[in-house]
Amino acid sequence: MTLRSLPGRTLAALLLAFAIHAASPSPLLCQTANSAVPVAQPLTLPQYIQELDRCAEVLNGTPVDAKAASELRASLQAKWEVMDGGAHYSVDTSWLSGALANAGGHSAGADEALGQARERLELYRREAKALADEARAQRNHDQARAQLDSILNAREFRGGQGPSWLDIERQKLRDWIYRQLEKLFGRARVRSIGNIVAWSLVGLASVLLIFWTLRFLMRDARRTDMDLSGAAPIGRDWRRWLRQAREAAARGEYRSAIHAAYWTAIVRMEETKSLPEDRSRTPRESLRLVGRSSPVYAPLSQLTRRFELVWYGYRDATAADWNDAARQLEMLGCPLS
C-alpha cells in the first residue's frame, strides 16, 4: 500500500504525525536554529496553509535568497500547532530550519536539503488542502441537510412519509417473483404474462364486487319491513283473512295461503288484545311482544318461521306447508271450518 492509496484525511493525519517524528539535522543544529524563535501559537487549518505557502515562496526562489531564508528561519516557530475542529496536530519544523540554514550555499548537500524541503512543503500543503476541502464539504453537507430538514418540517410536508418497512419488504418480494418468472419465461413473456395476470385480477375483483352487491341487496330485501299491501284495515274481521287463505289453498296457491294464514293469526290476536294494533311491526317484533311464557308463543313461532321462509325467503310452498300452517291456526283459535 502506498501513501497515495490511503484516504485523504487518514493520509494527512499520518503525514502530520510523521512530521512530528521525522528525522532532523543534528541536535546541535536544531538547538541553534530554534533557540531564539517565538513560542508556537495555535494555527487554524487555513493559517497553516498560508504558513506553508510563505515558506515555499522563499524556498522556490531561483536562486534562494539567503537574506529572505535567514529572516524566515528567524521567524519560524519550533512547532506548528494546528487546530482542525476537534483534532490537534503538532508539526516539528526542525527539518525546515536546517534546510534554511544551508540556503545560499552551493554545495551538493545544501541543494539536496533544499530540494527535500520543497517536496515536503508541497506534500504538506497538498494534504492540508485536502483536509480543508473535506471539512468544507462536510460543512456544506450539514448546511444542506439542515436546510432540507427545515423544508420537510414545514406544514405542507408534515404528512409526507417514506415507504414503511412493510412496503419495502413487499417490493422485495415482488422483485424476487419477477426475477424468477424472467428466468422461466424470459423478459418479454413475463411482461405479457404480467398483463394477463393484472387483467385477470381486475376481472376477478369485478365479479366479486358484483356478487357482493347482489348478496347485500338480497339480504337487505329479506330484512325489509312486512309488505302491508292487501292488509285489512285495523278493526276488520280476521275471518276475511281466513277465507282468503282457504280460497288460495283450494287453488293450489300455497304461498299466498300461508301469507293470509299468518295475517289471520295476527289480526285474531289483535282483536283478543294479545297484541297491540300496529301493522308496522315485523314478525319477529310480534313474537317478542307475545313472550315465550305465553301459551300462543309456540304455534305463533312455528307459523312465523314458515311464513318468513315462504314469503320473504321465496321458498316454494307445498301442500304440507299449508297443512302445518292450518294446524297452527287451529291452536291459535282460528278453526278453518
C-alpha atoms as a PDB file:
ATOM      1  CA  MET A   1       0.000   0.000   0.000  1.00  0.00           C
ATOM      2  CA  THR A   2       1.334   3.438  -0.971  1.00  0.00           C
ATOM      3  CA  LEU A   3       0.614   6.797   0.638  1.00  0.00           C
ATOM      4  CA  ARG A   4      -1.398   7.737  -2.459  1.00  0.00           C
ATOM      5  CA  SER A   5      -3.828   4.834  -1.887  1.00  0.00           C
ATOM      6  CA  LEU A   6      -4.818   5.971   1.621  1.00  0.00           C
ATOM      7  CA  PRO A   7      -7.952   8.113   2.150  1.00  0.00           C
ATOM      8  CA  GLY A   8      -7.249  11.869   2.175  1.00  0.00           C
ATOM      9  CA  ARG A   9      -7.958  12.522   5.850  1.00  0.00           C
ATOM     10  CA  THR A  10      -6.037   9.430   7.016  1.00  0.00           C
ATOM     11  CA  LEU A  11      -3.050  10.270   4.814  1.00  0.00           C
ATOM     12  CA  ALA A  12      -2.985  13.830   6.079  1.00  0.00           C
ATOM     13  CA  ALA A  13      -3.054  12.681   9.696  1.00  0.00           C
ATOM     14  CA  LEU A  14      -0.212  10.221   9.037  1.00  0.00           C
ATOM     15  CA  LEU A  15       1.853  12.879   7.353  1.00  0.00           C
ATOM     16  CA  LEU A  16       1.352  15.299  10.224  1.00  0.00           C
ATOM     17  CA  ALA A  17       2.295  12.580  12.703  1.00  0.00           C
ATOM     18  CA  PHE A  18       5.296  11.724  10.561  1.00  0.00           C
ATOM     19  CA  ALA A  19       6.329  15.357  10.654  1.00  0.00           C
ATOM     20  CA  ILE A  20       6.473  15.183  14.440  1.00  0.00           C
ATOM     21  CA  HIS A  21       8.861  12.220  14.404  1.00  0.00           C
ATOM     22  CA  ALA A  22      10.689  12.981  11.164  1.00  0.00           C
ATOM     23  CA  ALA A  23      14.445  12.838  11.098  1.00  0.00           C
ATOM     24  CA  SER A  24      16.034  16.230  11.548  1.00  0.00           C
ATOM     25  CA  PRO A  25      19.547  17.623  11.249  1.00  0.00           C
ATOM     26  CA  SER A  26      21.935  17.222  14.154  1.00  0.00           C
ATOM     27  CA  PRO A  27      20.544  18.076  17.612  1.00  0.00           C
ATOM     28  CA  LEU A  28      23.109  20.830  17.974  1.00  0.00           C
ATOM     29  CA  LEU A  29      21.911  22.412  14.712  1.00  0.00           C
ATOM     30  CA  CYS A  30      18.256  22.210  15.783  1.00  0.00           C
ATOM     31  CA  GLN A  31      19.009  23.758  19.125  1.00  0.00           C
ATOM     32  CA  THR A  32      20.924  26.587  17.476  1.00  0.00           C
ATOM     33  CA  ALA A  33      18.319  27.164  14.813  1.00  0.00           C
ATOM     34  CA  ASN A  34      15.363  27.358  17.164  1.00  0.00           C
ATOM     35  CA  SER A  35      16.985  28.884  20.204  1.00  0.00           C
ATOM     36  CA  ALA A  36      15.555  32.363  19.569  1.00  0.00           C
ATOM     37  CA  VAL A  37      12.238  31.613  17.808  1.00  0.00           C
ATOM     38  CA  PRO A  38       8.923  32.730  19.295  1.00  0.00           C
ATOM     39  CA  VAL A  39       6.687  30.353  21.230  1.00  0.00           C
ATOM     40  CA  ALA A  40       4.395  28.349  18.965  1.00  0.00           C
ATOM     41  CA  GLN A  41       0.920  29.851  18.548  1.00  0.00           C
ATOM     42  CA  PRO A  42      -2.054  27.655  17.541  1.00  0.00           C
ATOM     43  CA  LEU A  43      -2.912  27.872  13.842  1.00  0.00           C
ATOM     44  CA  THR A  44      -6.147  27.123  12.106  1.00  0.00           C
ATOM     45  CA  LEU A  45      -6.007  24.950   9.008  1.00  0.00           C
ATOM     46  CA  PRO A  46      -6.194  27.948   6.601  1.00  0.00           C
ATOM     47  CA  GLN A  47      -3.453  29.732   8.586  1.00  0.00           C
ATOM     48  CA  TYR A  48      -1.325  26.600   8.442  1.00  0.00           C
ATOM     49  CA  ILE A  49      -1.718  26.521   4.648  1.00  0.00           C
ATOM     50  CA  GLN A  50      -0.711  30.211   4.457  1.00  0.00           C
ATOM     51  CA  GLU A  51       2.390  29.484   6.550  1.00  0.00           C
ATOM     52  CA  LEU A  52       3.362  26.647   4.203  1.00  0.00           C
ATOM     53  CA  ASP A  53       2.871  28.976   1.225  1.00  0.00           C
ATOM     54  CA  ARG A  54       5.113  31.606   2.858  1.00  0.00           C
ATOM     55  CA  CYS A  55       7.883  29.062   3.364  1.00  0.00           C
ATOM     56  CA  ALA A  56       7.502  27.643  -0.149  1.00  0.00           C
ATOM     57  CA  GLU A  57       7.754  31.137  -1.667  1.00  0.00           C
ATOM     58  CA  VAL A  58      11.209  31.590  -0.112  1.00  0.00           C
ATOM     59  CA  LEU A  59      12.483  28.109  -0.974  1.00  0.00           C
ATOM     60  CA  ASN A  60      11.194  28.243  -4.555  1.00  0.00           C
ATOM     61  CA  GLY A  61      13.344  31.289  -5.410  1.00  0.00           C
ATOM     62  CA  THR A  62      15.967  30.742  -8.081  1.00  0.00           C
ATOM     63  CA  PRO A  63      18.448  31.063  -6.582  1.00  0.00           C
ATOM     64  CA  VAL A  64      17.237  31.035  -2.976  1.00  0.00           C
ATOM     65  CA  ASP A  65      17.648  34.464  -1.394  1.00  0.00           C
ATOM     66  CA  ALA A  66      19.971  33.941   1.573  1.00  0.00           C
ATOM     67  CA  LYS A  67      18.640  37.033   3.367  1.00  0.00           C
ATOM     68  CA  ALA A  68      14.999  36.017   2.957  1.00  0.00           C
ATOM     69  CA  ALA A  69      15.879  32.489   4.094  1.00  0.00           C
ATOM     70  CA  SER A  70      17.580  33.869   7.169  1.00  0.00           C
ATOM     71  CA  GLU A  71      14.582  36.063   8.022  1.00  0.00           C
ATOM     72  CA  LEU A  72      12.190  33.130   7.519  1.00  0.00           C
ATOM     73  CA  ARG A  73      14.367  30.918   9.726  1.00  0.00           C
ATOM     74  CA  ALA A  74      14.375  33.596  12.442  1.00  0.00           C
ATOM     75  CA  SER A  75      10.565  33.894  12.389  1.00  0.00           C
ATOM     76  CA  LEU A  76       9.947  30.161  12.117  1.00  0.00           C
ATOM     77  CA  GLN A  77       8.252  28.568  15.104  1.00  0.00           C
ATOM     78  CA  ALA A  78       9.763  25.467  16.651  1.00  0.00           C
ATOM     79  CA  LYS A  79       6.474  23.673  16.052  1.00  0.00           C
ATOM     80  CA  TRP A  80       3.344  24.392  14.122  1.00  0.00           C
ATOM     81  CA  GLU A  81       0.366  23.725  16.400  1.00  0.00           C
ATOM     82  CA  VAL A  82      -2.565  23.116  14.051  1.00  0.00           C
ATOM     83  CA  MET A  83      -6.206  23.014  15.247  1.00  0.00           C
ATOM     84  CA  ASP A  84      -8.673  21.372  12.856  1.00  0.00           C
ATOM     85  CA  GLY A  85     -12.061  21.298  14.501  1.00  0.00           C
ATOM     86  CA  GLY A  86     -11.685  18.878  17.389  1.00  0.00           C
ATOM     87  CA  ALA A  87      -8.360  17.499  16.095  1.00  0.00           C
ATOM     88  CA  HIS A  88      -4.953  18.866  17.154  1.00  0.00           C
ATOM     89  CA  TYR A  89      -1.680  18.327  15.271  1.00  0.00           C
ATOM     90  CA  SER A  90       1.872  19.315  16.278  1.00  0.00           C
ATOM     91  CA  VAL A  91       4.281  19.624  13.330  1.00  0.00           C
ATOM     92  CA  ASP A  92       8.032  19.897  14.057  1.00  0.00           C
ATOM     93  CA  THR A  93       9.842  22.478  11.864  1.00  0.00           C
ATOM     94  CA  SER A  94      13.435  21.497  12.634  1.00  0.00           C
ATOM     95  CA  TRP A  95      13.822  19.898   9.172  1.00  0.00           C
ATOM     96  CA  LEU A  96      12.828  23.192   7.546  1.00  0.00           C
ATOM     97  CA  SER A  97      15.080  25.241   9.832  1.00  0.00           C
ATOM     98  CA  GLY A  98      18.022  23.033   8.922  1.00  0.00           C
ATOM     99  CA  ALA A  99      17.354  23.468   5.194  1.00  0.00           C
ATOM    100  CA  LEU A 100      17.102  27.254   5.578  1.00  0.00           C
ATOM    101  CA  ALA A 101      20.408  27.346   7.483  1.00  0.00           C
ATOM    102  CA  ASN A 102      22.185  25.990   4.400  1.00  0.00           C
ATOM    103  CA  ALA A 103      20.317  28.274   1.966  1.00  0.00           C
ATOM    104  CA  GLY A 104      22.643  30.346  -0.186  1.00  0.00           C
ATOM    105  CA  GLY A 105      25.324  27.673  -0.245  1.00  0.00           C
ATOM    106  CA  HIS A 106      26.353  25.962  -3.439  1.00  0.00           C
ATOM    107  CA  SER A 107      27.297  22.563  -2.117  1.00  0.00           C
ATOM    108  CA  ALA A 108      25.546  19.399  -3.294  1.00  0.00           C
ATOM    109  CA  GLY A 109      24.321  18.705   0.255  1.00  0.00           C
ATOM    110  CA  ALA A 110      22.717  22.150   0.540  1.00  0.00           C
ATOM    111  CA  ASP A 111      20.920  21.774  -2.801  1.00  0.00           C
ATOM    112  CA  GLU A 112      19.685  18.303  -1.836  1.00  0.00           C
ATOM    113  CA  ALA A 113      18.373  19.561   1.540  1.00  0.00           C
ATOM    114  CA  LEU A 114      16.549  22.432  -0.140  1.00  0.00           C
ATOM    115  CA  GLY A 115      15.012  20.046  -2.724  1.00  0.00           C
ATOM    116  CA  GLN A 116      13.736  17.711   0.004  1.00  0.00           C
ATOM    117  CA  ALA A 117      12.323  20.672   1.936  1.00  0.00           C
ATOM    118  CA  ARG A 118      10.464  21.891  -1.166  1.00  0.00           C
ATOM    119  CA  GLU A 119       8.949  18.422  -1.738  1.00  0.00           C
ATOM    120  CA  ARG A 120       7.909  18.095   1.903  1.00  0.00           C
ATOM    121  CA  LEU A 121       6.306  21.564   1.909  1.00  0.00           C
ATOM    122  CA  GLU A 122       4.384  20.728  -1.262  1.00  0.00           C
ATOM    123  CA  LEU A 123       3.251  17.399   0.179  1.00  0.00           C
ATOM    124  CA  TYR A 124       2.164  19.011   3.458  1.00  0.00           C
ATOM    125  CA  ARG A 125       0.303  21.728   1.626  1.00  0.00           C
ATOM    126  CA  ARG A 126      -1.494  19.273  -0.675  1.00  0.00           C
ATOM    127  CA  GLU A 127      -2.683  17.129   2.231  1.00  0.00           C
ATOM    128  CA  ALA A 128      -3.649  20.154   4.324  1.00  0.00           C
ATOM    129  CA  LYS A 129      -5.668  21.428   1.368  1.00  0.00           C
ATOM    130  CA  ALA A 130      -7.383  18.026   1.120  1.00  0.00           C
ATOM    131  CA  LEU A 131      -8.283  18.249   4.808  1.00  0.00           C
ATOM    132  CA  ALA A 132      -9.681  21.747   4.297  1.00  0.00           C
ATOM    133  CA  ASP A 133     -11.726  20.680   1.252  1.00  0.00           C
ATOM    134  CA  GLU A 134     -13.117  17.707   3.150  1.00  0.00           C
ATOM    135  CA  ALA A 135     -14.066  19.902   6.111  1.00  0.00           C
ATOM    136  CA  ARG A 136     -15.717  22.403   3.741  1.00  0.00           C
ATOM    137  CA  ALA A 137     -17.654  19.623   2.026  1.00  0.00           C
ATOM    138  CA  GLN A 138     -18.819  18.333   5.391  1.00  0.00           C
ATOM    139  CA  ARG A 139     -19.979  21.808   6.398  1.00  0.00           C
ATOM    140  CA  ASN A 140     -21.821  22.199   3.102  1.00  0.00           C
ATOM    141  CA  HIS A 141     -23.430  18.803   3.620  1.00  0.00           C
ATOM    142  CA  ASP A 142     -24.521  19.718   7.142  1.00  0.00           C
ATOM    143  CA  GLN A 143     -25.939  23.034   5.935  1.00  0.00           C
ATOM    144  CA  ALA A 144     -27.805  21.336   3.081  1.00  0.00           C
ATOM    145  CA  ARG A 145     -29.136  18.710   5.467  1.00  0.00           C
ATOM    146  CA  ALA A 146     -30.293  21.362   7.920  1.00  0.00           C
ATOM    147  CA  GLN A 147     -31.977  23.290   5.105  1.00  0.00           C
ATOM    148  CA  LEU A 148     -33.683  20.133   3.832  1.00  0.00           C
ATOM    149  CA  ASP A 149     -34.897  19.269   7.339  1.00  0.00           C
ATOM    150  CA  SER A 150     -36.327  22.752   7.741  1.00  0.00           C
ATOM    151  CA  ILE A 151     -38.174  22.386   4.437  1.00  0.00           C
ATOM    152  CA  LEU A 152     -39.547  18.935   5.276  1.00  0.00           C
ATOM    153  CA  ASN A 153     -40.637  20.164   8.698  1.00  0.00           C
ATOM    154  CA  ALA A 154     -42.831  22.802   7.078  1.00  0.00           C
ATOM    155  CA  ARG A 155     -46.578  22.388   7.439  1.00  0.00           C
ATOM    156  CA  GLU A 156     -47.186  21.275   3.856  1.00  0.00           C
ATOM    157  CA  PHE A 157     -44.707  18.380   4.208  1.00  0.00           C
ATOM    158  CA  ARG A 158     -45.567  17.182   7.710  1.00  0.00           C
ATOM    159  CA  GLY A 159     -47.828  14.420   6.463  1.00  0.00           C
ATOM    160  CA  GLY A 160     -45.269  13.081   3.985  1.00  0.00           C
ATOM    161  CA  GLN A 161     -43.638   9.767   4.763  1.00  0.00           C
ATOM    162  CA  GLY A 162     -41.297   7.450   3.015  1.00  0.00           C
ATOM    163  CA  PRO A 163     -42.079   3.786   2.373  1.00  0.00           C
ATOM    164  CA  SER A 164     -42.609   1.736   5.509  1.00  0.00           C
ATOM    165  CA  TRP A 165     -40.712  -1.429   6.338  1.00  0.00           C
ATOM    166  CA  LEU A 166     -43.676  -3.488   5.149  1.00  0.00           C
ATOM    167  CA  ASP A 167     -43.783  -1.621   1.821  1.00  0.00           C
ATOM    168  CA  ILE A 168     -40.078  -2.258   1.282  1.00  0.00           C
ATOM    169  CA  GLU A 169     -40.441  -5.971   2.064  1.00  0.00           C
ATOM    170  CA  ARG A 170     -43.419  -6.265  -0.294  1.00  0.00           C
ATOM    171  CA  GLN A 171     -41.440  -4.627  -3.088  1.00  0.00           C
ATOM    172  CA  LYS A 172     -38.550  -7.023  -2.463  1.00  0.00           C
ATOM    173  CA  LEU A 173     -40.954  -9.972  -2.711  1.00  0.00           C
ATOM    174  CA  ARG A 174     -42.460  -8.655  -5.955  1.00  0.00           C
ATOM    175  CA  ASP A 175     -38.978  -8.123  -7.436  1.00  0.00           C
ATOM    176  CA  TRP A 176     -37.951 -11.651  -6.459  1.00  0.00           C
ATOM    177  CA  ILE A 177     -41.062 -13.177  -8.054  1.00  0.00           C
ATOM    178  CA  TYR A 178     -40.473 -11.114 -11.204  1.00  0.00           C
ATOM    179  CA  ARG A 179     -36.863 -12.331 -11.430  1.00  0.00           C
ATOM    180  CA  GLN A 180     -37.932 -15.950 -11.071  1.00  0.00           C
ATOM    181  CA  LEU A 181     -40.540 -15.555 -13.813  1.00  0.00           C
ATOM    182  CA  GLU A 182     -37.942 -13.934 -16.054  1.00  0.00           C
ATOM    183  CA  LYS A 183     -35.680 -16.958 -15.602  1.00  0.00           C
ATOM    184  CA  LEU A 184     -38.524 -19.290 -16.575  1.00  0.00           C
ATOM    185  CA  PHE A 185     -40.206 -17.387 -19.420  1.00  0.00           C
ATOM    186  CA  GLY A 186     -37.929 -14.515 -20.430  1.00  0.00           C
ATOM    187  CA  ARG A 187     -38.448 -10.781 -20.041  1.00  0.00           C
ATOM    188  CA  ALA A 188     -40.877 -10.301 -22.958  1.00  0.00           C
ATOM    189  CA  ARG A 189     -43.151 -13.186 -21.963  1.00  0.00           C
ATOM    190  CA  VAL A 190     -43.106 -12.135 -18.334  1.00  0.00           C
ATOM    191  CA  ARG A 191     -44.381  -8.699 -19.351  1.00  0.00           C
ATOM    192  CA  SER A 192     -47.276 -10.257 -21.318  1.00  0.00           C
ATOM    193  CA  ILE A 193     -47.986 -12.723 -18.520  1.00  0.00           C
ATOM    194  CA  GLY A 194     -47.975  -9.838 -16.059  1.00  0.00           C
ATOM    195  CA  ASN A 195     -50.600  -8.029 -18.163  1.00  0.00           C
ATOM    196  CA  ILE A 196     -52.739 -11.158 -18.286  1.00  0.00           C
ATOM    197  CA  VAL A 197     -52.488 -11.632 -14.527  1.00  0.00           C
ATOM    198  CA  ALA A 198     -53.274  -7.967 -13.911  1.00  0.00           C
ATOM    199  CA  TRP A 199     -56.405  -8.030 -16.087  1.00  0.00           C
ATOM    200  CA  SER A 200     -57.443 -11.357 -14.577  1.00  0.00           C
ATOM    201  CA  LEU A 201     -57.228  -9.823 -11.117  1.00  0.00           C
ATOM    202  CA  VAL A 202     -59.269  -6.840 -12.299  1.00  0.00           C
ATOM    203  CA  GLY A 203     -61.914  -9.170 -13.703  1.00  0.00           C
ATOM    204  CA  LEU A 204     -61.989 -11.271 -10.555  1.00  0.00           C
ATOM    205  CA  ALA A 205     -62.349  -8.171  -8.427  1.00  0.00           C
ATOM    206  CA  SER A 206     -65.262  -7.010 -10.605  1.00  0.00           C
ATOM    207  CA  VAL A 207     -67.027 -10.384 -10.284  1.00  0.00           C
ATOM    208  CA  LEU A 208     -66.550 -10.387  -6.526  1.00  0.00           C
ATOM    209  CA  LEU A 209     -67.896  -6.844  -6.324  1.00  0.00           C
ATOM    210  CA  ILE A 210     -71.000  -7.773  -8.330  1.00  0.00           C
ATOM    211  CA  PHE A 211     -71.529 -10.901  -6.227  1.00  0.00           C
ATOM    212  CA  TRP A 212     -71.175  -8.947  -3.002  1.00  0.00           C
ATOM    213  CA  THR A 213     -73.599  -6.279  -4.228  1.00  0.00           C
ATOM    214  CA  LEU A 214     -76.243  -8.850  -5.210  1.00  0.00           C
ATOM    215  CA  ARG A 215     -75.849 -10.681  -1.927  1.00  0.00           C
ATOM    216  CA  PHE A 216     -76.167  -7.438   0.000  1.00  0.00           C
ATOM    217  CA  LEU A 217     -79.324  -6.482  -1.914  1.00  0.00           C
ATOM    218  CA  MET A 218     -80.908  -9.907  -1.360  1.00  0.00           C
ATOM    219  CA  ARG A 219     -80.062  -9.816   2.340  1.00  0.00           C
ATOM    220  CA  ASP A 220     -81.447  -6.308   2.598  1.00  0.00           C
ATOM    221  CA  ALA A 221     -84.632  -7.412   0.861  1.00  0.00           C
ATOM    222  CA  ARG A 222     -85.125 -10.173   3.421  1.00  0.00           C
ATOM    223  CA  ARG A 223     -84.811  -7.651   6.231  1.00  0.00           C
ATOM    224  CA  THR A 224     -87.336  -5.174   4.867  1.00  0.00           C
ATOM    225  CA  ASP A 225     -90.475  -4.426   6.784  1.00  0.00           C
ATOM    226  CA  MET A 226     -93.521  -6.516   6.174  1.00  0.00           C
ATOM    227  CA  ASP A 227     -95.356  -5.839   2.943  1.00  0.00           C
ATOM    228  CA  LEU A 228     -98.680  -4.390   4.053  1.00  0.00           C
ATOM    229  CA  SER A 229    -100.233  -4.272   0.595  1.00  0.00           C
ATOM    230  CA  GLY A 230    -103.590  -6.022   0.728  1.00  0.00           C
ATOM    231  CA  ALA A 231    -103.726  -5.990   4.522  1.00  0.00           C
ATOM    232  CA  ALA A 232    -107.080  -5.360   6.027  1.00  0.00           C
ATOM    233  CA  PRO A 233    -107.559  -2.083   7.908  1.00  0.00           C
ATOM    234  CA  ILE A 234    -107.385  -2.242  11.670  1.00  0.00           C
ATOM    235  CA  GLY A 235    -110.687  -3.442  13.108  1.00  0.00           C
ATOM    236  CA  ARG A 236    -111.630  -5.639  10.139  1.00  0.00           C
ATOM    237  CA  ASP A 237    -112.647  -9.216  10.908  1.00  0.00           C
ATOM    238  CA  TRP A 238    -109.916 -11.887  11.000  1.00  0.00           C
ATOM    239  CA  ARG A 239    -112.354 -14.209   9.224  1.00  0.00           C
ATOM    240  CA  ARG A 240    -111.751 -12.261   5.980  1.00  0.00           C
ATOM    241  CA  TRP A 241    -108.072 -13.297   6.069  1.00  0.00           C
ATOM    242  CA  LEU A 242    -109.094 -16.878   6.898  1.00  0.00           C
ATOM    243  CA  ARG A 243    -111.443 -17.011   3.902  1.00  0.00           C
ATOM    244  CA  GLN A 244    -108.656 -15.748   1.611  1.00  0.00           C
ATOM    245  CA  ALA A 245    -106.334 -18.428   2.984  1.00  0.00           C
ATOM    246  CA  ARG A 246    -108.846 -21.204   2.288  1.00  0.00           C
ATOM    247  CA  GLU A 247    -109.577 -19.957  -1.222  1.00  0.00           C
ATOM    248  CA  ALA A 248    -105.860 -19.692  -2.096  1.00  0.00           C
ATOM    249  CA  ALA A 249    -105.206 -23.203  -0.767  1.00  0.00           C
ATOM    250  CA  ALA A 250    -108.110 -24.563  -2.822  1.00  0.00           C
ATOM    251  CA  ARG A 251    -106.499 -23.061  -5.962  1.00  0.00           C
ATOM    252  CA  GLY A 252    -103.122 -24.590  -5.014  1.00  0.00           C
ATOM    253  CA  GLU A 253    -101.566 -21.178  -4.331  1.00  0.00           C
ATOM    254  CA  TYR A 254     -99.983 -22.287  -1.069  1.00  0.00           C
ATOM    255  CA  ARG A 255     -97.607 -19.338  -0.800  1.00  0.00           C
ATOM    256  CA  SER A 256    -100.496 -16.853  -0.787  1.00  0.00           C
ATOM    257  CA  ALA A 257    -102.451 -19.180   1.522  1.00  0.00           C
ATOM    258  CA  ILE A 258     -99.657 -19.170   4.129  1.00  0.00           C
ATOM    259  CA  HIS A 259     -99.376 -15.377   3.819  1.00  0.00           C
ATOM    260  CA  ALA A 260    -103.113 -14.992   4.545  1.00  0.00           C
ATOM    261  CA  ALA A 261    -102.925 -17.574   7.357  1.00  0.00           C
ATOM    262  CA  TYR A 262    -100.219 -15.582   9.123  1.00  0.00           C
ATOM    263  CA  TRP A 263    -102.289 -12.402   8.955  1.00  0.00           C
ATOM    264  CA  THR A 264    -105.295 -14.335  10.181  1.00  0.00           C
ATOM    265  CA  ALA A 265    -103.387 -15.174  13.354  1.00  0.00           C
ATOM    266  CA  ILE A 266    -102.070 -11.607  13.834  1.00  0.00           C
ATOM    267  CA  VAL A 267    -105.491  -9.932  13.368  1.00  0.00           C
ATOM    268  CA  ARG A 268    -107.087 -12.525  15.654  1.00  0.00           C
ATOM    269  CA  MET A 269    -104.562 -11.798  18.396  1.00  0.00           C
ATOM    270  CA  GLU A 270    -105.071  -8.043  17.963  1.00  0.00           C
ATOM    271  CA  GLU A 271    -108.823  -8.491  18.377  1.00  0.00           C
ATOM    272  CA  THR A 272    -108.289 -10.533  21.542  1.00  0.00           C
ATOM    273  CA  LYS A 273    -105.796  -7.896  22.826  1.00  0.00           C
ATOM    274  CA  SER A 274    -102.951 -10.431  22.861  1.00  0.00           C
ATOM    275  CA  LEU A 275    -101.095  -7.965  20.613  1.00  0.00           C
ATOM    276  CA  PRO A 276    -101.450  -4.193  20.234  1.00  0.00           C
ATOM    277  CA  GLU A 277    -102.818  -2.985  16.911  1.00  0.00           C
ATOM    278  CA  ASP A 278     -99.767  -1.957  14.870  1.00  0.00           C
ATOM    279  CA  ARG A 279     -99.272  -3.195  11.312  1.00  0.00           C
ATOM    280  CA  SER A 280     -95.781  -1.678  11.031  1.00  0.00           C
ATOM    281  CA  ARG A 281     -94.284  -4.397  13.256  1.00  0.00           C
ATOM    282  CA  THR A 282     -92.047  -7.096  11.825  1.00  0.00           C
ATOM    283  CA  PRO A 283     -92.900 -10.746  12.500  1.00  0.00           C
ATOM    284  CA  ARG A 284     -90.050 -11.071  14.987  1.00  0.00           C
ATOM    285  CA  GLU A 285     -91.202  -7.994  16.882  1.00  0.00           C
ATOM    286  CA  SER A 286     -94.659  -9.539  17.238  1.00  0.00           C
ATOM    287  CA  LEU A 287     -93.077 -12.679  18.658  1.00  0.00           C
ATOM    288  CA  ARG A 288     -91.108 -10.673  21.200  1.00  0.00           C
ATOM    289  CA  LEU A 289     -94.244  -8.851  22.282  1.00  0.00           C
ATOM    290  CA  VAL A 290     -96.065 -12.145  22.867  1.00  0.00           C
ATOM    291  CA  GLY A 291     -93.242 -13.546  25.009  1.00  0.00           C
ATOM    292  CA  ARG A 292     -92.108 -17.120  25.489  1.00  0.00           C
ATOM    293  CA  SER A 293     -94.233 -17.604  28.569  1.00  0.00           C
ATOM    294  CA  SER A 294     -97.456 -17.169  26.571  1.00  0.00           C
ATOM    295  CA  PRO A 295     -99.293 -20.380  25.511  1.00  0.00           C
ATOM    296  CA  VAL A 296     -99.699 -18.966  21.996  1.00  0.00           C
ATOM    297  CA  TYR A 297     -95.947 -18.390  21.566  1.00  0.00           C
ATOM    298  CA  ALA A 298     -95.125 -21.886  20.237  1.00  0.00           C
ATOM    299  CA  PRO A 299     -97.762 -22.036  17.459  1.00  0.00           C
ATOM    300  CA  LEU A 300     -97.172 -18.391  16.502  1.00  0.00           C
ATOM    301  CA  SER A 301     -93.409 -19.009  16.350  1.00  0.00           C
ATOM    302  CA  GLN A 302     -93.910 -22.030  14.081  1.00  0.00           C
ATOM    303  CA  LEU A 303     -96.305 -20.122  11.825  1.00  0.00           C
ATOM    304  CA  THR A 304     -93.986 -17.072  11.731  1.00  0.00           C
ATOM    305  CA  ARG A 305     -90.982 -19.191  10.734  1.00  0.00           C
ATOM    306  CA  ARG A 306     -92.885 -20.885   7.908  1.00  0.00           C
ATOM    307  CA  PHE A 307     -94.276 -17.530   6.732  1.00  0.00           C
ATOM    308  CA  GLU A 308     -90.758 -15.973   6.638  1.00  0.00           C
ATOM    309  CA  LEU A 309     -89.297 -18.890   4.683  1.00  0.00           C
ATOM    310  CA  VAL A 310     -92.072 -18.904   2.102  1.00  0.00           C
ATOM    311  CA  TRP A 311     -92.862 -15.171   1.791  1.00  0.00           C
ATOM    312  CA  TYR A 312     -89.510 -13.467   2.397  1.00  0.00           C
ATOM    313  CA  GLY A 313     -87.188 -16.370   1.585  1.00  0.00           C
ATOM    314  CA  TYR A 314     -89.017 -17.133  -1.694  1.00  0.00           C
ATOM    315  CA  ARG A 315     -89.107 -20.845  -0.908  1.00  0.00           C
ATOM    316  CA  ASP A 316     -91.636 -22.897  -2.807  1.00  0.00           C
ATOM    317  CA  ALA A 317     -94.677 -23.704  -0.656  1.00  0.00           C
ATOM    318  CA  THR A 318     -96.286 -27.150  -0.733  1.00  0.00           C
ATOM    319  CA  ALA A 319     -99.496 -28.689   0.496  1.00  0.00           C
ATOM    320  CA  ALA A 320     -97.626 -29.996   3.529  1.00  0.00           C
ATOM    321  CA  ASP A 321     -96.555 -26.431   4.392  1.00  0.00           C
ATOM    322  CA  TRP A 322    -100.191 -25.300   4.193  1.00  0.00           C
ATOM    323  CA  ASN A 323    -101.397 -28.197   6.346  1.00  0.00           C
ATOM    324  CA  ASP A 324     -98.841 -27.325   9.018  1.00  0.00           C
ATOM    325  CA  ALA A 325     -99.884 -23.634   8.923  1.00  0.00           C
ATOM    326  CA  ALA A 326    -103.544 -24.701   9.262  1.00  0.00           C
ATOM    327  CA  ARG A 327    -102.719 -26.759  12.381  1.00  0.00           C
ATOM    328  CA  GLN A 328    -101.009 -23.715  13.953  1.00  0.00           C
ATOM    329  CA  LEU A 329    -104.128 -21.624  13.181  1.00  0.00           C
ATOM    330  CA  GLU A 330    -106.278 -24.192  14.927  1.00  0.00           C
ATOM    331  CA  MET A 331    -104.039 -23.940  18.007  1.00  0.00           C
ATOM    332  CA  LEU A 332    -104.311 -20.123  17.890  1.00  0.00           C
ATOM    333  CA  GLY A 333    -108.125 -20.286  17.939  1.00  0.00           C
ATOM    334  CA  CYS A 334    -108.750 -19.814  14.233  1.00  0.00           C
ATOM    335  CA  PRO A 335    -110.511 -23.006  13.012  1.00  0.00           C
ATOM    336  CA  LEU A 336    -110.744 -23.444   9.257  1.00  0.00           C
ATOM    337  CA  SER A 337    -114.352 -24.662   9.393  1.00  0.00           C
END
